[in-house]
Amino acid sequence: MGAARKIIKRRIDLTEDSFVELSVFEVPKPLAGSKHSFKYRLAYVVSKVCVMRYDNEVGKGDHKHVGRREFSYDFVDVDTLLDDFFAEVERMNYDGANN
């Protein structure tokens, strides 16, 4: 069985006090709880606090954390995952600017 293959691993600064951290690996076999061969963790951090995270922890499957709440996430593919994540970051920024 082969090793995990890095798809993306990077940090993107958005503002002086916010950034996203992206980590996606293709793994030899699906993690417990997932039906696909990717391990991922996408985090949105503002003022040193993770305000949103998409991940698939072993045994928990695909899900996202928004604040202190956790929701299931329907993984389609890596491109859709990134699109969904960045769309939610954008919505959070828009909502935050208008509260």
Protein backbone atom coordinates (compact mmCIF):
# COMPACT_ATOMS: atom_id res chain seq x y z
CA MET A 1 0.00 0.00 0.00
CA GLY A 2 1.37 3.41 -0.98
CA ALA A 3 1.88 6.50 1.11
CA ALA A 4 -0.38 9.54 1.25
CA ARG A 5 0.08 12.03 -1.61
CA LYS A 6 -0.06 15.76 -0.91
CA ILE A 7 -2.70 17.56 -2.98
CA ILE A 8 -2.48 20.93 -1.22
CA LYS A 9 -0.79 22.16 1.95
CA ARG A 10 -0.65 25.92 2.39
CA ARG A 11 -1.62 28.92 4.42
CA ILE A 12 -3.18 31.97 2.79
CA ASP A 13 -3.24 35.24 4.71
CA LEU A 14 -6.52 37.06 4.08
CA THR A 15 -6.10 40.09 6.32
CA GLU A 16 -3.68 41.19 9.01
CA ASP A 17 -5.49 39.00 11.56
CA SER A 18 -7.13 36.25 9.46
CA PHE A 19 -5.97 33.37 7.30
CA VAL A 20 -7.02 30.03 5.87
CA GLU A 21 -4.98 26.88 6.24
CA LEU A 22 -5.53 24.15 3.67
CA SER A 23 -4.42 20.56 3.96
CA VAL A 24 -5.62 17.86 1.53
CA PHE A 25 -3.95 14.50 1.00
CA GLU A 26 -4.93 11.56 -1.17
CA VAL A 27 -4.67 8.46 1.00
CA PRO A 28 -4.31 4.82 -0.08
CA LYS A 29 -7.76 3.89 1.28
CA PRO A 30 -10.73 5.77 2.72
CA LEU A 31 -10.54 6.78 6.38
CA ALA A 32 -13.07 5.18 8.72
CA GLY A 33 -16.30 7.12 8.25
CA SER A 34 -15.46 8.42 4.76
CA LYS A 35 -16.25 6.91 1.36
CA HIS A 36 -13.46 8.65 -0.55
CA SER A 37 -9.67 8.49 -0.55
CA PHE A 38 -8.89 11.97 0.79
CA LYS A 39 -7.87 13.26 4.20
CA TYR A 40 -8.52 16.97 4.59
CA ARG A 41 -8.53 19.84 7.06
CA LEU A 42 -9.49 23.34 5.92
CA ALA A 43 -9.47 25.99 8.64
CA TYR A 44 -10.49 29.63 8.72
CA VAL A 45 -8.79 31.50 11.58
CA VAL A 46 -9.61 35.03 12.74
CA SER A 47 -7.74 36.75 15.59
CA LYS A 48 -6.07 33.44 16.50
CA VAL A 49 -9.45 31.64 16.81
CA CYS A 50 -10.55 28.90 14.41
CA VAL A 51 -14.03 30.11 13.48
CA MET A 52 -14.69 27.43 10.84
CA ARG A 53 -13.13 24.11 9.88
CA TYR A 54 -13.97 21.40 7.36
CA ASP A 55 -12.39 18.02 8.09
CA ASN A 56 -12.84 14.27 8.12
CA GLU A 57 -11.41 12.94 11.34
CA VAL A 58 -10.99 9.18 11.48
CA GLY A 59 -14.30 7.65 12.57
CA LYS A 60 -16.29 10.90 12.31
CA GLY A 61 -16.47 11.17 8.54
CA ASP A 62 -16.97 14.36 6.57
CA HIS A 63 -18.15 17.33 8.63
CA LYS A 64 -17.61 20.99 9.36
CA HIS A 65 -17.32 23.07 12.50
CA VAL A 66 -18.79 26.57 12.55
CA GLY A 67 -18.05 28.24 15.84
CA ARG A 68 -18.91 25.63 18.47
CA ARG A 69 -21.41 23.78 16.27
CA GLU A 70 -20.73 20.73 14.11
CA PHE A 71 -22.57 19.81 10.90
CA SER A 72 -22.27 16.90 8.49
CA TYR A 73 -20.75 17.70 5.09
CA ASP A 74 -21.48 15.89 1.81
CA PHE A 75 -18.08 15.43 0.16
CA VAL A 76 -18.29 15.35 -3.66
CA ASP A 77 -14.69 15.98 -4.77
CA VAL A 78 -11.72 18.17 -3.83
CA ASP A 79 -12.69 21.05 -6.16
CA THR A 80 -16.20 21.20 -4.68
CA LEU A 81 -14.77 20.99 -1.15
CA LEU A 82 -12.54 24.01 -1.80
CA ASP A 83 -15.38 25.92 -3.52
CA ASP A 84 -17.75 25.23 -0.60
CA PHE A 85 -15.16 26.21 1.98
CA PHE A 86 -14.18 29.49 0.30
CA ALA A 87 -17.84 30.38 -0.35
CA GLU A 88 -18.52 29.97 3.37
CA VAL A 89 -15.45 32.07 4.27
CA GLU A 90 -16.79 34.78 1.96
CA ARG A 91 -20.29 34.58 3.51
CA MET A 92 -18.81 34.81 7.01
CA ASN A 93 -16.82 37.89 6.00
CA TYR A 94 -19.87 39.51 4.43
CA ASP A 95 -22.10 38.72 7.43
CA GLY A 96 -19.44 39.91 9.85
CA ALA A 97 -19.03 43.20 8.00
CA ASN A 98 -22.76 43.84 8.14
CA ASN A 99 -23.57 42.99 11.76
